[in-house]
C-alpha cells in the first residue's frame, strides 16, 4: 500500500486507486493514453517566471509560456478553475477557463487527479488577489498518477516511510529537496577547491582482493569467473597512495565506501567520502585544507560561518583549535599521559576513571590514552577542534612523531562530538609498515575482524619509494548534516539502507 495519511482507511484508499485506474482505462479506450506521449516542449519554469514577471498595461497580454510539472492542487469552480503546478524550481498557480481551453479540454481537465503530470501553454498575469499566475490556453495530461499522494495537511511524516519512498517524500515535502541541493553544491564546491589547488580526480576499484586502508569490517562478495571472494572497499587510501608512488603528486577521489557495521544516526553501511593525498606535504597541510573546505563552503552556500547543528551553535570562522590527544585527555579527563611512561601505570590510570580497553587491544600506554580520549573526551568537543598526535597502536598507516615514537602525526577533526575528517603524515617506510601490518594481522587472529589485512602489493609499492605525503579522508555525509542541520545521516542520503519490509 502506498504512503497515505493515517486518516484514509485501506478500503477508501483502494477505492481511490480503483477510480484512477478506471479513468486511465477510459482515456486509453478513447485513444488518449497519456503514457504514449514521449516528450513535451517545456521551456519555462515557475521560479524564473515569477522572478521576471512585469505587469503589463491593461488590454495587453503578458509573456507567453510553455510549462510542465505535477499538479499539486485543483479548485474547480464551474466554468473556471484554479490549480497549482509544481516543476523542478517551485510552484505556480494556473487559471483554467472553459472558454479559453475549449469545452472538451476543460471537461478532461476536471477529471485530472492531484499528482498527475500535466503540460500547459498560456500567458502570465497577476490575479486580483495579487498572485502571479498562468492564464492557461492549452492543457494536456502527460502522465497519469495511479496512486493518491499523502493527504495535503498531514503529508508524509513517518520517517521510515519517507526514507523508503524518497520519491514521495520529495513530492510532498519540497523542503527535503533543499537538503540535497546543498549536498550537490557542497560536492561541487569541494571539487572546485581541490581542482584549483592542482589535484587530479581519479577512480579506484570498489571490488578488491584485500580490504585495506581502515579499521572496519568489510562486505564480502564472490566473483564467479575468477572463483574468488572479494571485498567491497572500506577506504580508497591504499590505491590512492599507490598513485602517489607513481608520480601523481596531488590526487583525490570522491566515492562510495562500504562497511559491514552497525547503523545509527551517524552511520550508514554505504556512505560517501573524499580522500586526498599530496606529496611533499604533511598533516598540517591537511588541517589547512579541511578547515578551508568547510569554512569556505559555509560562507559560499549559507552566506556565513555560523551554523546550527544538533542543538548547538557552531562557529566555522577560520582559525580552529588544534589540540594534541595528550593535552585533550589532560584537559577533559584529568589524566596527564605526558607524565606517564609505563604501560601498566597508563592502563591503571585509565581504569581509575572507569575506562576499559577493548578486549583485543594490548595493554599499552597508547591504547590506554586512546581509550580515555574515545570514552571521556570526544563527546565534549563541540566547536571545530583538530585532535592531533594519535598513538601508533591505532594508526597503522601513519608516520611516527620524531619527538615521541609512541605517537603519530595524525589528526581527526571533531565538530559537535562528531568525527568529520581523519588525516595523516603518511607512513612511507616499507619496513615499519610491514611490522605494523603484522601486528594488525595478529589482532585479527585474536578476533578483531576490523584490523588491517596485510597488503603485499602495497608494501611493494612503498619499496619503490613514496615521497613524504599528507593524506586525508573527509565524510561528505556528515559535512552535509552540518550544513543542513540534519540530525541523522538518513536525512542526507537519498536512499539510505533500510531493513526490508516482510
Protein backbone atom coordinates (compact mmCIF):
# COMPACT_ATOMS: atom_id res chain seq x y z
CA UNK A 1 0.00 0.00 0.00
CA UNK A 2 1.32 3.45 -0.90
CA UNK A 3 2.21 6.11 1.66
CA UNK A 4 -1.08 7.81 2.57
CA UNK A 5 -2.34 9.73 5.57
CA UNK A 6 -3.49 7.67 8.53
CA UNK A 7 -6.98 9.14 8.20
CA UNK A 8 -7.57 7.26 4.93
CA UNK A 9 -8.73 3.70 5.57
CA UNK A 10 -7.43 0.84 3.47
CA UNK A 11 -10.85 0.42 1.88
CA UNK A 12 -11.14 4.11 0.98
CA UNK A 13 -7.59 4.06 -0.36
CA UNK A 14 -8.33 1.06 -2.57
CA UNK A 15 -11.43 2.80 -3.89
CA UNK A 16 -9.36 5.87 -4.82
CA UNK A 17 -6.86 3.68 -6.65
CA UNK A 18 -9.67 1.88 -8.50
CA UNK A 19 -11.18 5.20 -9.62
CA UNK A 20 -7.84 6.38 -11.00
CA UNK A 21 -7.29 3.16 -12.89
CA UNK A 22 -10.79 3.41 -14.33
CA UNK A 23 -10.02 6.94 -15.52
CA UNK A 24 -6.87 5.66 -17.21
CA UNK A 25 -8.83 2.88 -18.88
CA UNK A 26 -11.32 5.42 -20.19
CA UNK A 27 -8.55 7.58 -21.62
CA UNK A 28 -6.91 4.61 -23.32
CA UNK A 29 -10.19 3.40 -24.83
CA UNK A 30 -10.78 6.92 -26.20
CA UNK A 31 -7.32 6.90 -27.82
CA UNK A 32 -5.83 9.37 -25.31
CA UNK A 33 -3.36 7.14 -23.48
CA UNK A 34 -1.08 9.61 -21.61
CA UNK A 35 1.71 7.01 -21.37
CA UNK A 36 2.13 7.06 -25.15
CA UNK A 37 3.40 10.66 -25.10
CA UNK A 38 7.19 10.78 -25.47
CA UNK A 39 8.04 14.43 -24.77
CA UNK A 40 6.72 17.92 -24.17
CA UNK A 41 8.38 21.24 -25.12
CA UNK A 42 8.86 22.53 -21.55
CA UNK A 43 10.53 25.91 -21.96
CA UNK A 44 9.62 27.93 -18.87
CA UNK A 45 9.94 27.29 -15.14
CA UNK A 46 7.98 28.54 -12.14
CA UNK A 47 10.74 30.33 -10.24
CA UNK A 48 12.07 32.24 -13.25
CA UNK A 49 8.58 33.09 -14.50
CA UNK A 50 7.67 34.65 -11.16
CA UNK A 51 11.01 36.39 -10.64
CA UNK A 52 10.97 38.02 -14.08
CA UNK A 53 7.27 38.98 -14.06
CA UNK A 54 6.45 42.51 -15.11
CA UNK A 55 2.91 43.91 -15.04
CA UNK A 56 1.65 44.90 -18.49
CA UNK A 57 -0.73 47.74 -19.35
CA UNK A 58 -4.44 46.92 -19.26
CA UNK A 59 -5.59 45.40 -22.54
CA UNK A 60 -2.19 43.85 -23.32
CA UNK A 61 -1.30 40.16 -22.88
CA UNK A 62 1.59 39.11 -20.72
CA UNK A 63 4.50 36.81 -21.55
CA UNK A 64 3.65 33.53 -23.29
CA UNK A 65 4.91 30.38 -21.57
CA UNK A 66 5.01 26.63 -22.06
CA UNK A 67 5.34 24.77 -18.74
CA UNK A 68 5.12 21.24 -17.37
CA UNK A 69 5.07 19.62 -13.95
CA UNK A 70 2.95 17.88 -11.33
CA UNK A 71 -0.50 19.19 -10.40
CA UNK A 72 -0.47 19.61 -6.61
CA UNK A 73 -3.96 21.04 -6.10
CA UNK A 74 -7.15 21.78 -8.04
CA UNK A 75 -10.13 24.00 -7.26
CA UNK A 76 -12.96 23.57 -9.79
CA UNK A 77 -15.49 26.43 -9.86
CA UNK A 78 -17.97 25.98 -12.70
CA UNK A 79 -16.59 27.41 -15.95
CA UNK A 80 -13.24 28.45 -14.43
CA UNK A 81 -10.82 26.69 -12.10
CA UNK A 82 -7.51 27.14 -10.35
CA UNK A 83 -4.69 24.63 -9.93
CA UNK A 84 -1.13 24.58 -8.64
CA UNK A 85 1.65 23.33 -10.90
CA UNK A 86 4.98 22.25 -9.38
CA UNK A 87 8.09 21.91 -11.51
CA UNK A 88 11.72 21.43 -10.55
CA UNK A 89 12.02 25.07 -9.42
CA UNK A 90 8.83 25.55 -7.43
CA UNK A 91 5.07 26.17 -7.68
CA UNK A 92 2.95 28.47 -9.83
CA UNK A 93 -0.81 28.95 -9.94
CA UNK A 94 -2.80 28.06 -13.06
CA UNK A 95 -6.05 29.72 -14.09
CA UNK A 96 -8.02 27.39 -16.37
CA UNK A 97 -11.18 28.72 -18.07
CA UNK A 98 -13.51 26.68 -20.28
CA UNK A 99 -13.88 29.43 -22.88
CA UNK A 100 -10.09 29.59 -23.33
CA UNK A 101 -9.12 25.90 -23.46
CA UNK A 102 -12.32 24.57 -25.06
CA UNK A 103 -15.22 22.55 -23.70
CA UNK A 104 -13.66 19.10 -24.27
CA UNK A 105 -10.27 20.04 -22.81
CA UNK A 106 -11.95 21.64 -19.81
CA UNK A 107 -14.09 18.57 -19.15
CA UNK A 108 -10.96 16.41 -19.39
CA UNK A 109 -9.12 18.75 -17.01
CA UNK A 110 -11.89 18.44 -14.43
CA UNK A 111 -11.16 14.68 -14.32
CA UNK A 112 -7.44 15.18 -13.68
CA UNK A 113 -6.23 13.97 -10.27
CA UNK A 114 -3.84 15.54 -7.79
CA UNK A 115 -0.41 14.17 -8.65
CA UNK A 116 -0.99 13.96 -12.41
CA UNK A 117 1.80 15.27 -14.64
CA UNK A 118 0.50 17.98 -16.97
CA UNK A 119 1.70 20.39 -19.64
CA UNK A 120 0.26 23.88 -20.17
CA UNK A 121 0.57 26.81 -22.53
CA UNK A 122 -0.67 30.27 -21.71
CA UNK A 123 0.34 33.75 -20.67
CA UNK A 124 1.45 35.18 -17.34
CA UNK A 125 -0.71 37.65 -15.43
CA UNK A 126 -1.43 38.85 -11.90
CA UNK A 127 -4.76 37.88 -10.32
CA UNK A 128 -6.96 40.33 -8.42
CA UNK A 129 -5.54 38.76 -5.24
CA UNK A 130 -2.06 39.72 -6.43
CA UNK A 131 -0.76 36.23 -7.23
CA UNK A 132 1.40 35.74 -10.31
CA UNK A 133 -0.33 33.03 -12.34
CA UNK A 134 -0.57 31.44 -15.78
CA UNK A 135 -3.75 32.05 -17.76
CA UNK A 136 -3.98 28.66 -19.48
CA UNK A 137 -4.88 28.40 -23.18
CA UNK A 138 -3.92 24.74 -23.61
CA UNK A 139 -3.65 21.92 -21.08
CA UNK A 140 -2.65 18.28 -21.65
CA UNK A 141 -2.25 15.22 -19.46
CA UNK A 142 1.32 13.92 -19.82
CA UNK A 143 1.34 11.11 -17.26
CA UNK A 144 -1.33 9.63 -15.00
CA UNK A 145 -0.72 9.27 -11.26
CA UNK A 146 -2.33 5.97 -10.27
CA UNK A 147 -1.67 6.29 -6.53
CA UNK A 148 -3.01 9.18 -4.40
CA UNK A 149 -0.46 11.41 -2.69
CA UNK A 150 -0.43 11.68 1.10
CA UNK A 151 -3.19 13.92 2.44
CA UNK A 152 -2.33 17.60 1.99
CA UNK A 153 -2.29 18.89 5.56
CA UNK A 154 -0.73 15.85 7.22
CA UNK A 155 1.70 14.89 4.48
CA UNK A 156 4.29 12.15 4.67
CA UNK A 157 5.60 12.46 8.24
CA UNK A 158 6.59 8.90 9.17
CA UNK A 159 10.38 8.79 8.88
CA UNK A 160 10.58 5.16 7.85
CA UNK A 161 8.07 5.78 5.04
CA UNK A 162 9.92 8.92 3.97
CA UNK A 163 13.23 7.09 3.62
CA UNK A 164 11.73 4.03 1.91
CA UNK A 165 9.70 6.12 -0.53
CA UNK A 166 12.02 9.06 -1.07
CA UNK A 167 10.23 9.82 -4.34
CA UNK A 168 7.01 10.52 -2.40
CA UNK A 169 8.97 12.42 0.25
CA UNK A 170 10.36 14.74 -2.44
CA UNK A 171 6.90 15.30 -3.92
CA UNK A 172 5.04 16.19 -0.74
CA UNK A 173 7.89 17.67 1.34
CA UNK A 174 9.60 20.11 -1.07
CA UNK A 175 11.95 21.36 1.67
CA UNK A 176 13.68 17.94 1.51
CA UNK A 177 14.96 18.84 -1.95
CA UNK A 178 16.91 21.76 -0.46
CA UNK A 179 18.99 19.36 1.61
CA UNK A 180 20.10 17.50 -1.50
CA UNK A 181 20.69 20.73 -3.38
CA UNK A 182 23.12 21.71 -0.60
CA UNK A 183 24.73 18.26 -0.87
CA UNK A 184 25.22 18.64 -4.62
CA UNK A 185 26.60 22.16 -4.24
CA UNK A 186 28.95 21.08 -1.44
CA UNK A 187 30.45 18.30 -3.54
CA UNK A 188 30.83 20.72 -6.46
CA UNK A 189 32.48 23.25 -4.11
CA UNK A 190 34.88 20.61 -2.82
CA UNK A 191 35.85 19.58 -6.35
CA UNK A 192 36.49 23.19 -7.32
CA UNK A 193 38.53 23.77 -4.15
CA UNK A 194 40.82 20.81 -4.85
CA UNK A 195 40.99 21.30 -8.63
CA UNK A 196 42.10 24.90 -8.15
CA UNK A 197 44.98 23.61 -6.00
CA UNK A 198 46.28 21.25 -8.66
CA UNK A 199 44.69 17.99 -7.52
CA UNK A 200 43.68 15.30 -10.04
CA UNK A 201 40.40 13.44 -9.52
CA UNK A 202 40.64 9.68 -10.13
CA UNK A 203 38.63 6.49 -9.67
CA UNK A 204 39.86 3.37 -7.88
CA UNK A 205 38.35 -0.14 -7.59
CA UNK A 206 35.28 -0.84 -5.48
CA UNK A 207 35.99 -4.60 -5.53
CA UNK A 208 39.31 -5.69 -4.01
CA UNK A 209 41.00 -8.91 -3.01
CA UNK A 210 42.15 -7.25 0.23
CA UNK A 211 40.14 -4.86 2.41
CA UNK A 212 42.61 -2.21 3.48
CA UNK A 213 43.02 1.43 4.39
CA UNK A 214 40.83 1.45 7.50
CA UNK A 215 39.89 -0.46 10.63
CA UNK A 216 36.48 -1.72 9.53
CA UNK A 217 34.53 -4.90 8.80
CA UNK A 218 34.09 -5.35 5.03
CA UNK A 219 31.27 -6.71 2.89
CA UNK A 220 32.27 -9.94 1.18
CA UNK A 221 31.10 -10.97 -2.29
CA UNK A 222 32.11 -13.67 -4.77
CA UNK A 223 33.49 -13.27 -8.27
CA UNK A 224 32.13 -16.19 -10.28
CA UNK A 225 34.57 -16.11 -13.20
CA UNK A 226 37.67 -15.89 -11.02
CA UNK A 227 36.04 -18.08 -8.35
CA UNK A 228 37.39 -15.92 -5.53
CA UNK A 229 35.89 -13.97 -2.68
CA UNK A 230 36.31 -10.21 -2.96
CA UNK A 231 35.74 -7.29 -0.62
CA UNK A 232 33.85 -4.08 -1.27
CA UNK A 233 36.20 -1.26 -0.42
CA UNK A 234 36.28 0.12 3.10
CA UNK A 235 38.55 3.01 2.06
CA UNK A 236 40.32 4.36 -1.02
CA UNK A 237 43.58 5.05 0.79
CA UNK A 238 45.90 2.31 -0.45
CA UNK A 239 45.14 2.65 -4.20
CA UNK A 240 45.49 6.44 -3.98
CA UNK A 241 48.87 6.17 -2.25
CA UNK A 242 49.99 3.80 -5.00
CA UNK A 243 49.30 6.70 -7.38
CA UNK A 244 51.48 8.99 -5.24
CA UNK A 245 54.25 6.40 -5.69
CA UNK A 246 53.55 6.53 -9.43
CA UNK A 247 54.15 10.27 -9.57
CA UNK A 248 50.65 11.77 -9.41
CA UNK A 249 51.62 14.17 -6.65
CA UNK A 250 48.14 15.55 -5.84
CA UNK A 251 45.27 13.12 -6.15
CA UNK A 252 41.75 12.70 -4.79
CA UNK A 253 38.66 10.55 -5.14
CA UNK A 254 35.07 11.25 -4.16
CA UNK A 255 33.30 7.94 -3.88
CA UNK A 256 31.15 5.43 -2.10
CA UNK A 257 32.60 3.41 0.80
CA UNK A 258 31.07 0.19 2.19
CA UNK A 259 31.41 -1.05 5.77
CA UNK A 260 29.54 -4.01 7.19
CA UNK A 261 28.91 -2.41 10.56
CA UNK A 262 26.18 -1.00 12.76
CA UNK A 263 23.64 1.64 11.80
CA UNK A 264 22.87 4.73 13.88
CA UNK A 265 22.26 8.46 13.28
CA UNK A 266 25.90 8.90 12.18
CA UNK A 267 26.49 5.64 10.31
CA UNK A 268 25.09 4.04 7.16
CA UNK A 269 26.63 0.86 5.66
CA UNK A 270 27.39 2.75 2.46
CA UNK A 271 28.49 6.36 2.63
CA UNK A 272 30.47 8.93 0.65
CA UNK A 273 33.94 10.26 1.38
CA UNK A 274 36.63 12.29 -0.25
CA UNK A 275 40.18 11.04 0.19
CA UNK A 276 43.07 13.22 -0.96
CA UNK A 277 46.83 12.88 -0.92
CA UNK A 278 49.57 15.43 -1.54
CA UNK A 279 53.24 14.61 -1.98
CA UNK A 280 55.81 16.69 -0.06
CA UNK A 281 53.14 17.75 2.46
CA UNK A 282 52.18 16.61 5.96
CA UNK A 283 49.17 16.51 8.28
CA UNK A 284 49.47 20.25 8.97
CA UNK A 285 48.76 20.90 5.27
CA UNK A 286 45.73 18.62 5.54
CA UNK A 287 44.44 20.60 8.52
CA UNK A 288 44.56 23.78 6.47
CA UNK A 289 42.67 22.07 3.62
CA UNK A 290 39.98 20.58 5.90
CA UNK A 291 39.39 23.97 7.53
CA UNK A 292 39.43 25.69 4.15
CA UNK A 293 36.92 23.37 2.52
CA UNK A 294 34.33 23.52 5.31
CA UNK A 295 34.62 27.19 6.24
CA UNK A 296 34.53 28.36 2.62
CA UNK A 297 31.60 26.03 1.89
CA UNK A 298 29.60 27.54 4.75
CA UNK A 299 30.36 31.05 3.50
CA UNK A 300 29.50 30.23 -0.13
CA UNK A 301 26.44 28.02 0.42
CA UNK A 302 24.95 29.55 3.58
CA UNK A 303 26.25 33.09 3.48
CA UNK A 304 28.18 33.00 6.77
CA UNK A 305 30.29 31.00 9.19
CA UNK A 306 27.61 30.49 11.86
CA UNK A 307 25.60 27.26 11.63
CA UNK A 308 23.32 25.35 13.99
CA UNK A 309 23.66 21.60 14.34
CA UNK A 310 22.30 19.10 16.87
CA UNK A 311 21.08 21.93 19.07
CA UNK A 312 24.46 23.70 19.17
CA UNK A 313 25.59 26.96 17.57
CA UNK A 314 28.77 26.20 15.64
CA UNK A 315 31.29 28.84 14.56
CA UNK A 316 33.20 27.81 11.42
CA UNK A 317 35.24 31.02 11.22
CA UNK A 318 38.80 30.02 10.19
CA UNK A 319 41.32 29.57 13.00
CA UNK A 320 40.05 26.32 14.50
CA UNK A 321 41.51 24.91 17.69
CA UNK A 322 44.36 22.38 17.41
CA UNK A 323 44.92 20.17 20.45
CA UNK A 324 47.11 17.08 20.98
CA UNK A 325 45.37 13.97 22.27
CA UNK A 326 47.56 14.02 25.39
CA UNK A 327 46.52 17.62 26.13
CA UNK A 328 42.87 16.87 25.37
CA UNK A 329 42.78 13.93 27.81
CA UNK A 330 44.54 16.06 30.42
CA UNK A 331 42.03 18.91 29.95
CA UNK A 332 38.80 16.90 29.75
CA UNK A 333 39.58 13.66 31.65
CA UNK A 334 42.15 14.83 34.19
CA UNK A 335 44.93 12.36 33.33
CA UNK A 336 48.36 13.60 32.22
CA UNK A 337 49.68 10.84 29.98
CA UNK A 338 52.67 13.06 29.24
CA UNK A 339 53.87 12.31 32.77
CA UNK A 340 53.32 8.53 32.40
CA UNK A 341 55.77 6.24 30.62
CA UNK A 342 54.93 2.79 31.99
CA UNK A 343 52.28 0.67 30.21
CA UNK A 344 50.83 -0.78 33.41
CA UNK A 345 50.64 2.65 35.02
CA UNK A 346 48.82 4.04 31.95
CA UNK A 347 46.25 1.23 31.96
CA UNK A 348 45.73 1.66 35.71
CA UNK A 349 45.18 5.41 35.26
CA UNK A 350 42.53 4.71 32.62
CA UNK A 351 40.79 2.12 34.78
CA UNK A 352 40.78 4.56 37.70
CA UNK A 353 38.32 6.79 35.80
CA UNK A 354 36.21 3.85 34.60
CA UNK A 355 37.77 3.45 31.15
CA UNK A 356 38.15 -0.11 29.88
CA UNK A 357 40.39 -1.16 26.99
CA UNK A 358 38.84 -3.25 24.18
CA UNK A 359 39.41 -7.00 24.66
CA UNK A 360 41.57 -7.33 21.52
CA UNK A 361 43.77 -4.35 22.42
CA UNK A 362 47.19 -4.82 24.01
CA UNK A 363 47.50 -3.21 27.48
CA UNK A 364 49.82 -0.40 26.32
CA UNK A 365 50.28 3.30 27.04
CA UNK A 366 48.96 4.18 23.59
CA UNK A 367 45.83 2.05 23.82
CA UNK A 368 45.09 3.45 27.28
CA UNK A 369 45.48 7.02 26.02
CA UNK A 370 43.17 6.41 23.06
CA UNK A 371 40.55 4.64 25.21
CA UNK A 372 40.45 7.62 27.58
CA UNK A 373 40.01 10.01 24.66
CA UNK A 374 37.37 7.86 22.98
CA UNK A 375 35.30 7.29 26.10
CA UNK A 376 35.74 10.56 28.01
CA UNK A 377 36.74 13.36 25.64
CA UNK A 378 35.18 13.02 22.18
CA UNK A 379 31.64 13.69 23.41
CA UNK A 380 32.75 17.06 24.85
CA UNK A 381 34.15 18.51 21.61
CA UNK A 382 31.54 20.93 20.24
CA UNK A 383 33.34 23.70 18.33
CA UNK A 384 35.66 22.70 15.45
CA UNK A 385 38.71 21.04 17.01
CA UNK A 386 41.65 19.19 15.47
CA UNK A 387 42.83 16.42 17.80
CA UNK A 388 46.42 15.59 16.86
CA UNK A 389 49.22 13.11 17.67
CA UNK A 390 47.44 9.74 17.92
CA UNK A 391 49.03 6.61 19.43
CA UNK A 392 50.79 4.34 16.92
CA UNK A 393 48.63 1.39 18.01
CA UNK A 394 45.51 2.92 16.43
CA UNK A 395 47.29 4.47 13.44
CA UNK A 396 48.85 1.65 11.40
CA UNK A 397 49.34 3.76 8.26
CA UNK A 398 50.72 6.92 9.87
CA UNK A 399 54.26 8.30 10.23
CA UNK A 400 55.63 8.32 13.77
CA UNK A 401 56.35 11.60 15.52
CA UNK A 402 60.08 12.43 15.56
CA UNK A 403 59.59 13.80 19.11
CA UNK A 404 57.78 10.78 20.59
CA UNK A 405 57.86 7.42 18.80
CA UNK A 406 54.73 6.28 20.69
CA UNK A 407 52.70 8.86 18.75
CA UNK A 408 51.95 9.52 15.09
CA UNK A 409 51.41 12.66 13.03
CA UNK A 410 47.69 12.20 12.68
CA UNK A 411 44.62 14.30 13.34
CA UNK A 412 40.89 13.85 13.47
CA UNK A 413 38.56 16.82 13.11
CA UNK A 414 35.62 16.91 15.53
CA UNK A 415 32.60 19.19 15.34
CA UNK A 416 29.66 18.76 17.73
CA UNK A 417 31.19 15.50 19.08
CA UNK A 418 31.22 14.03 15.56
CA UNK A 419 34.31 12.95 13.62
CA UNK A 420 34.39 14.88 10.33
CA UNK A 421 37.85 14.10 8.92
CA UNK A 422 40.87 11.89 9.53
CA UNK A 423 44.36 12.71 8.25
CA UNK A 424 47.98 11.58 8.46
CA UNK A 425 51.51 12.37 7.64
CA UNK A 426 51.55 9.15 5.66
CA UNK A 427 53.89 6.32 6.62
CA UNK A 428 56.30 5.78 3.74
CA UNK A 429 58.78 3.40 5.45
CA UNK A 430 58.02 -0.06 4.00
CA UNK A 431 59.86 -1.87 6.81
CA UNK A 432 57.93 -0.08 9.55
CA UNK A 433 54.71 -0.53 7.55
CA UNK A 434 55.26 -4.30 7.32
CA UNK A 435 55.80 -4.55 11.09
CA UNK A 436 52.56 -2.69 11.75
CA UNK A 437 50.63 -4.82 9.26
CA UNK A 438 51.95 -7.93 11.04
CA UNK A 439 50.71 -6.61 14.39
CA UNK A 440 47.32 -5.89 12.81
CA UNK A 441 47.24 -9.46 11.44
CA UNK A 442 47.91 -10.77 14.94
CA UNK A 443 44.95 -8.74 16.21
CA UNK A 444 42.76 -10.33 13.51
CA UNK A 445 43.84 -13.75 14.70
CA UNK A 446 42.73 -12.77 18.22
CA UNK A 447 39.26 -11.98 16.89
CA UNK A 448 39.45 -8.34 15.81
CA UNK A 449 37.82 -8.56 12.35
CA UNK A 450 38.25 -4.80 11.86
CA UNK A 451 42.06 -4.94 11.97
CA UNK A 452 44.04 -4.20 8.79
CA UNK A 453 44.89 -7.01 6.37
CA UNK A 454 48.47 -7.42 5.17
CA UNK A 455 48.70 -5.99 1.65
CA UNK A 456 51.86 -7.27 -0.03
CA UNK A 457 51.37 -5.26 -3.23
CA UNK A 458 51.08 -2.03 -1.25
CA UNK A 459 54.31 -2.89 0.58
CA UNK A 460 55.97 -3.49 -2.81
CA UNK A 461 54.79 -0.05 -3.94
CA UNK A 462 56.33 1.55 -0.85
CA UNK A 463 59.60 -0.25 -1.54
CA UNK A 464 59.83 1.64 -4.86
CA UNK A 465 59.77 4.82 -2.79
CA UNK A 466 56.93 7.14 -1.77
CA UNK A 467 57.74 10.79 -1.06
CA UNK A 468 56.73 12.41 2.25
CA UNK A 469 52.97 12.73 1.86
CA UNK A 470 49.98 14.23 3.64
CA UNK A 471 46.63 12.48 3.27
CA UNK A 472 43.08 12.99 4.49
CA UNK A 473 39.65 11.39 4.38
CA UNK A 474 36.54 13.51 4.97
CA UNK A 475 32.98 12.24 5.40
CA UNK A 476 30.77 14.07 2.93
CA UNK A 477 27.52 12.88 4.51
CA UNK A 478 28.43 14.34 7.89
CA UNK A 479 29.56 17.60 6.32
CA UNK A 480 26.15 17.87 4.67
CA UNK A 481 24.48 17.06 8.01
CA UNK A 482 26.38 20.01 9.50
CA UNK A 483 25.48 22.39 6.68
CA UNK A 484 21.77 21.42 6.67
CA UNK A 485 21.25 20.98 10.43
CA UNK A 486 20.25 17.33 9.92
CA UNK A 487 20.15 15.07 12.97
CA UNK A 488 20.59 11.76 11.15
CA UNK A 489 22.64 10.58 8.20
CA UNK A 490 19.46 9.20 6.62
CA UNK A 491 18.29 12.76 6.05
CA UNK A 492 21.23 13.47 3.73
CA UNK A 493 21.36 10.18 1.79
CA UNK A 494 18.68 9.92 -0.87
CA UNK A 495 18.31 6.16 -0.49
CA UNK A 496 19.62 5.05 2.92
CA UNK A 497 19.95 1.36 3.75
CA UNK A 498 16.67 0.02 5.16
CA UNK A 499 15.58 -3.29 6.59
CA UNK A 500 13.20 -4.93 4.07
CA UNK A 501 9.50 -4.98 4.83
CA UNK A 502 8.21 -8.55 5.10
